[in-house]
Amino acid sequence: MKYLIIILLFISCQIDEVDVYRTDYKPYPPLEMSIDDINIGKLINHYRTKDVKPDALLFELAKGHANYVASKEIANHDNFPNRVYIIRQNNGVSTMEGVAYGYYDVNRFFNAYITNIDSKNNYTHRKIITGDFTHYGHHLINNYDVLILTRYE
């Protein structure tokens, strides 16, 4: 039964506006964006040399995963391969995801990504921000923050 619930939660991450099996998908902006969504885009683009644009599909996937991790009450990358599969079915060629808890706003979330050093003294999370990506999706709920960046061909 536990697996059935996870599958149902994942299915709810998919959106009606985009046919996830199309290979001719063209990125388009979400119909609605919160102030946090706009601000994270500005912070990312200020830090990068090439701007990323908001994408409706990535926003829906980020929202679905943010709701999932908030319901589990633990930041994780569960089902990431499924999100990558959907993105690749829609012409995405490279995808990274960042999930965080407890930063309360996008400024703290962003600063944590830029300054976080892993056990090998690498700025691995910075690669999420500076990678060769063209579009992003974001969602923040109950202090769980999900950021997905991808490059569309």
C-alpha atoms as a PDB file:
ATOM      1  CA  MET A   1       0.000   0.000   0.000  1.00  0.00           C
ATOM      2  CA  LYS A   2       2.901   2.365   0.717  1.00  0.00           C
ATOM      3  CA  TYR A   3       4.070   2.075  -2.900  1.00  0.00           C
ATOM      4  CA  LEU A   4       0.596   2.755  -4.209  1.00  0.00           C
ATOM      5  CA  ILE A   5       0.471   6.030  -2.278  1.00  0.00           C
ATOM      6  CA  ILE A   6       3.864   7.101  -3.652  1.00  0.00           C
ATOM      7  CA  ILE A   7       2.751   6.311  -7.201  1.00  0.00           C
ATOM      8  CA  LEU A   8      -0.421   8.310  -6.744  1.00  0.00           C
ATOM      9  CA  LEU A   9       1.556  11.246  -5.380  1.00  0.00           C
ATOM     10  CA  PHE A  10       3.888  11.107  -8.340  1.00  0.00           C
ATOM     11  CA  ILE A  11       1.043  10.966 -10.821  1.00  0.00           C
ATOM     12  CA  SER A  12      -0.406  14.081  -9.226  1.00  0.00           C
ATOM     13  CA  CYS A  13       2.862  15.860 -10.120  1.00  0.00           C
ATOM     14  CA  GLN A  14       2.043  15.683 -13.800  1.00  0.00           C
ATOM     15  CA  ILE A  15       0.191  18.582 -15.342  1.00  0.00           C
ATOM     16  CA  ASP A  16      -2.795  18.747 -17.639  1.00  0.00           C
ATOM     17  CA  GLU A  17      -1.524  21.598 -19.795  1.00  0.00           C
ATOM     18  CA  VAL A  18       1.481  19.650 -21.120  1.00  0.00           C
ATOM     19  CA  ASP A  19       1.337  16.229 -22.731  1.00  0.00           C
ATOM     20  CA  VAL A  20       4.314  14.599 -21.009  1.00  0.00           C
ATOM     21  CA  TYR A  21       4.920  12.195 -23.890  1.00  0.00           C
ATOM     22  CA  ARG A  22       5.347  14.829 -26.603  1.00  0.00           C
ATOM     23  CA  THR A  23       8.799  15.137 -28.113  1.00  0.00           C
ATOM     24  CA  ASP A  24       8.037  18.495 -29.722  1.00  0.00           C
ATOM     25  CA  TYR A  25       7.524  20.279 -26.387  1.00  0.00           C
ATOM     26  CA  LYS A  26       8.462  23.948 -26.415  1.00  0.00           C
ATOM     27  CA  PRO A  27       9.147  25.518 -23.004  1.00  0.00           C
ATOM     28  CA  TYR A  28       6.701  28.206 -21.959  1.00  0.00           C
ATOM     29  CA  PRO A  29       6.341  30.348 -18.835  1.00  0.00           C
ATOM     30  CA  PRO A  30       4.015  29.257 -16.056  1.00  0.00           C
ATOM     31  CA  LEU A  31       0.641  30.993 -15.964  1.00  0.00           C
ATOM     32  CA  GLU A  32       1.196  32.005 -12.335  1.00  0.00           C
ATOM     33  CA  MET A  33       4.392  32.626 -10.407  1.00  0.00           C
ATOM     34  CA  SER A  34       4.757  33.577  -6.758  1.00  0.00           C
ATOM     35  CA  ILE A  35       7.057  36.346  -5.575  1.00  0.00           C
ATOM     36  CA  ASP A  36       9.440  33.603  -4.359  1.00  0.00           C
ATOM     37  CA  ASP A  37       9.431  31.997  -7.819  1.00  0.00           C
ATOM     38  CA  ILE A  38      10.270  35.308  -9.480  1.00  0.00           C
ATOM     39  CA  ASN A  39      12.936  36.167  -6.890  1.00  0.00           C
ATOM     40  CA  ILE A  40      14.735  32.821  -7.147  1.00  0.00           C
ATOM     41  CA  GLY A  41      14.925  33.346 -10.912  1.00  0.00           C
ATOM     42  CA  LYS A  42      16.393  36.818 -10.404  1.00  0.00           C
ATOM     43  CA  LEU A  43      18.938  35.520  -7.885  1.00  0.00           C
ATOM     44  CA  ILE A  44      20.002  32.685 -10.176  1.00  0.00           C
ATOM     45  CA  ASN A  45      20.295  34.943 -13.210  1.00  0.00           C
ATOM     46  CA  HIS A  46      22.235  37.567 -11.277  1.00  0.00           C
ATOM     47  CA  TYR A  47      24.783  34.897 -10.359  1.00  0.00           C
ATOM     48  CA  ARG A  48      25.016  33.308 -13.825  1.00  0.00           C
ATOM     49  CA  THR A  49      26.471  34.542 -17.084  1.00  0.00           C
ATOM     50  CA  LYS A  50      23.515  33.212 -19.127  1.00  0.00           C
ATOM     51  CA  ASP A  51      19.925  33.651 -17.927  1.00  0.00           C
ATOM     52  CA  VAL A  52      17.535  30.789 -17.288  1.00  0.00           C
ATOM     53  CA  LYS A  53      13.831  31.211 -18.017  1.00  0.00           C
ATOM     54  CA  PRO A  54      10.862  29.900 -16.049  1.00  0.00           C
ATOM     55  CA  ASP A  55       9.168  26.816 -17.531  1.00  0.00           C
ATOM     56  CA  ALA A  56       5.665  25.570 -16.721  1.00  0.00           C
ATOM     57  CA  LEU A  57       6.566  21.865 -16.842  1.00  0.00           C
ATOM     58  CA  LEU A  58       9.499  22.334 -14.453  1.00  0.00           C
ATOM     59  CA  PHE A  59       7.348  24.425 -12.110  1.00  0.00           C
ATOM     60  CA  GLU A  60       4.729  21.682 -11.961  1.00  0.00           C
ATOM     61  CA  LEU A  61       7.357  19.006 -11.307  1.00  0.00           C
ATOM     62  CA  ALA A  62       8.974  21.162  -8.592  1.00  0.00           C
ATOM     63  CA  LYS A  63       5.574  21.806  -7.013  1.00  0.00           C
ATOM     64  CA  GLY A  64       4.705  18.120  -7.027  1.00  0.00           C
ATOM     65  CA  HIS A  65       7.996  17.147  -5.429  1.00  0.00           C
ATOM     66  CA  ALA A  66       7.841  19.982  -2.868  1.00  0.00           C
ATOM     67  CA  ASN A  67       4.391  18.801  -1.808  1.00  0.00           C
ATOM     68  CA  TYR A  68       5.709  15.236  -1.627  1.00  0.00           C
ATOM     69  CA  VAL A  69       8.709  16.080   0.588  1.00  0.00           C
ATOM     70  CA  ALA A  70       6.552  18.309   2.793  1.00  0.00           C
ATOM     71  CA  SER A  71       4.110  15.419   3.293  1.00  0.00           C
ATOM     72  CA  LYS A  72       7.031  13.088   4.177  1.00  0.00           C
ATOM     73  CA  GLU A  73       8.625  15.831   6.327  1.00  0.00           C
ATOM     74  CA  ILE A  74      12.093  15.099   4.962  1.00  0.00           C
ATOM     75  CA  ALA A  75      14.029  16.650   2.097  1.00  0.00           C
ATOM     76  CA  ASN A  76      14.872  13.993  -0.490  1.00  0.00           C
ATOM     77  CA  HIS A  77      15.253  13.235  -4.171  1.00  0.00           C
ATOM     78  CA  ASP A  78      12.757  10.360  -4.260  1.00  0.00           C
ATOM     79  CA  ASN A  79      11.507   9.630  -7.769  1.00  0.00           C
ATOM     80  CA  PHE A  80      14.052  11.964  -9.369  1.00  0.00           C
ATOM     81  CA  PRO A  81      14.582   9.530 -12.273  1.00  0.00           C
ATOM     82  CA  ASN A  82      10.852   9.774 -13.000  1.00  0.00           C
ATOM     83  CA  ARG A  83      11.028  13.572 -13.167  1.00  0.00           C
ATOM     84  CA  VAL A  84      14.082  13.350 -15.436  1.00  0.00           C
ATOM     85  CA  TYR A  85      12.231  10.899 -17.689  1.00  0.00           C
ATOM     86  CA  ILE A  86       9.323  13.312 -18.078  1.00  0.00           C
ATOM     87  CA  ILE A  87      11.700  16.186 -18.820  1.00  0.00           C
ATOM     88  CA  ARG A  88      13.624  14.110 -21.377  1.00  0.00           C
ATOM     89  CA  GLN A  89      10.375  13.139 -23.063  1.00  0.00           C
ATOM     90  CA  ASN A  90       9.902  16.868 -23.572  1.00  0.00           C
ATOM     91  CA  ASN A  91      13.318  17.659 -25.115  1.00  0.00           C
ATOM     92  CA  GLY A  92      15.235  18.242 -21.879  1.00  0.00           C
ATOM     93  CA  VAL A  93      18.802  16.958 -22.173  1.00  0.00           C
ATOM     94  CA  SER A  94      20.384  17.806 -18.821  1.00  0.00           C
ATOM     95  CA  THR A  95      18.627  18.188 -15.465  1.00  0.00           C
ATOM     96  CA  MET A  96      19.631  18.906 -11.883  1.00  0.00           C
ATOM     97  CA  GLU A  97      17.464  19.250  -8.808  1.00  0.00           C
ATOM     98  CA  GLY A  98      18.025  20.934  -5.477  1.00  0.00           C
ATOM     99  CA  VAL A  99      15.917  20.161  -2.414  1.00  0.00           C
ATOM    100  CA  ALA A 100      16.309  21.959   0.883  1.00  0.00           C
ATOM    101  CA  TYR A 101      14.539  22.405   4.188  1.00  0.00           C
ATOM    102  CA  GLY A 102      14.591  25.138   6.777  1.00  0.00           C
ATOM    103  CA  TYR A 103      15.789  28.180   4.875  1.00  0.00           C
ATOM    104  CA  TYR A 104      12.435  30.004   5.224  1.00  0.00           C
ATOM    105  CA  ASP A 105      12.909  32.214   2.174  1.00  0.00           C
ATOM    106  CA  VAL A 106      14.543  32.055  -1.242  1.00  0.00           C
ATOM    107  CA  ASN A 107      17.420  34.371  -0.301  1.00  0.00           C
ATOM    108  CA  ARG A 108      18.616  31.973   2.410  1.00  0.00           C
ATOM    109  CA  PHE A 109      17.969  28.989   0.145  1.00  0.00           C
ATOM    110  CA  PHE A 110      20.014  30.555  -2.659  1.00  0.00           C
ATOM    111  CA  ASN A 111      22.874  31.581  -0.347  1.00  0.00           C
ATOM    112  CA  ALA A 112      23.025  28.054   1.044  1.00  0.00           C
ATOM    113  CA  TYR A 113      23.405  26.683  -2.480  1.00  0.00           C
ATOM    114  CA  ILE A 114      26.195  29.081  -3.337  1.00  0.00           C
ATOM    115  CA  THR A 115      28.180  28.547  -0.124  1.00  0.00           C
ATOM    116  CA  ASN A 116      27.461  24.889   0.749  1.00  0.00           C
ATOM    117  CA  ILE A 117      30.638  22.780   0.736  1.00  0.00           C
ATOM    118  CA  ASP A 118      30.434  18.985   0.661  1.00  0.00           C
ATOM    119  CA  SER A 119      32.655  16.532   2.554  1.00  0.00           C
ATOM    120  CA  LYS A 120      35.321  16.781  -0.191  1.00  0.00           C
ATOM    121  CA  ASN A 121      35.471  20.599   0.015  1.00  0.00           C
ATOM    122  CA  ASN A 122      33.603  20.981  -3.295  1.00  0.00           C
ATOM    123  CA  TYR A 123      30.876  23.475  -4.022  1.00  0.00           C
ATOM    124  CA  THR A 124      28.637  20.763  -5.490  1.00  0.00           C
ATOM    125  CA  HIS A 125      25.400  22.672  -4.986  1.00  0.00           C
ATOM    126  CA  ARG A 126      26.827  25.674  -6.806  1.00  0.00           C
ATOM    127  CA  LYS A 127      26.890  23.506  -9.955  1.00  0.00           C
ATOM    128  CA  ILE A 128      23.102  23.420  -9.805  1.00  0.00           C
ATOM    129  CA  ILE A 129      23.037  27.200 -10.074  1.00  0.00           C
ATOM    130  CA  THR A 130      25.890  27.642 -12.582  1.00  0.00           C
ATOM    131  CA  GLY A 131      25.357  24.623 -14.848  1.00  0.00           C
ATOM    132  CA  ASP A 132      24.586  24.802 -18.559  1.00  0.00           C
ATOM    133  CA  PHE A 133      20.830  25.152 -18.161  1.00  0.00           C
ATOM    134  CA  THR A 134      18.197  27.129 -20.060  1.00  0.00           C
ATOM    135  CA  HIS A 135      15.104  26.867 -17.827  1.00  0.00           C
ATOM    136  CA  TYR A 136      14.067  26.476 -14.216  1.00  0.00           C
ATOM    137  CA  GLY A 137      11.138  25.481 -12.045  1.00  0.00           C
ATOM    138  CA  HIS A 138      10.737  26.211  -8.347  1.00  0.00           C
ATOM    139  CA  HIS A 139       8.354  25.692  -5.458  1.00  0.00           C
ATOM    140  CA  LEU A 140       8.510  26.521  -1.745  1.00  0.00           C
ATOM    141  CA  ILE A 141       6.027  25.064   0.745  1.00  0.00           C
ATOM    142  CA  ASN A 142       6.294  24.659   4.528  1.00  0.00           C
ATOM    143  CA  ASN A 143      10.018  25.525   4.398  1.00  0.00           C
ATOM    144  CA  TYR A 144      10.683  22.788   1.798  1.00  0.00           C
ATOM    145  CA  ASP A 145      12.264  24.303  -1.279  1.00  0.00           C
ATOM    146  CA  VAL A 146      12.627  22.498  -4.621  1.00  0.00           C
ATOM    147  CA  LEU A 147      14.541  23.900  -7.574  1.00  0.00           C
ATOM    148  CA  ILE A 148      14.789  22.085 -10.916  1.00  0.00           C
ATOM    149  CA  LEU A 149      17.010  23.337 -13.732  1.00  0.00           C
ATOM    150  CA  THR A 150      17.234  21.808 -17.185  1.00  0.00           C
ATOM    151  CA  ARG A 151      18.617  22.482 -20.612  1.00  0.00           C
ATOM    152  CA  TYR A 152      16.211  22.145 -23.506  1.00  0.00           C
ATOM    153  CA  GLU A 153      17.471  21.478 -27.018  1.00  0.00           C
END
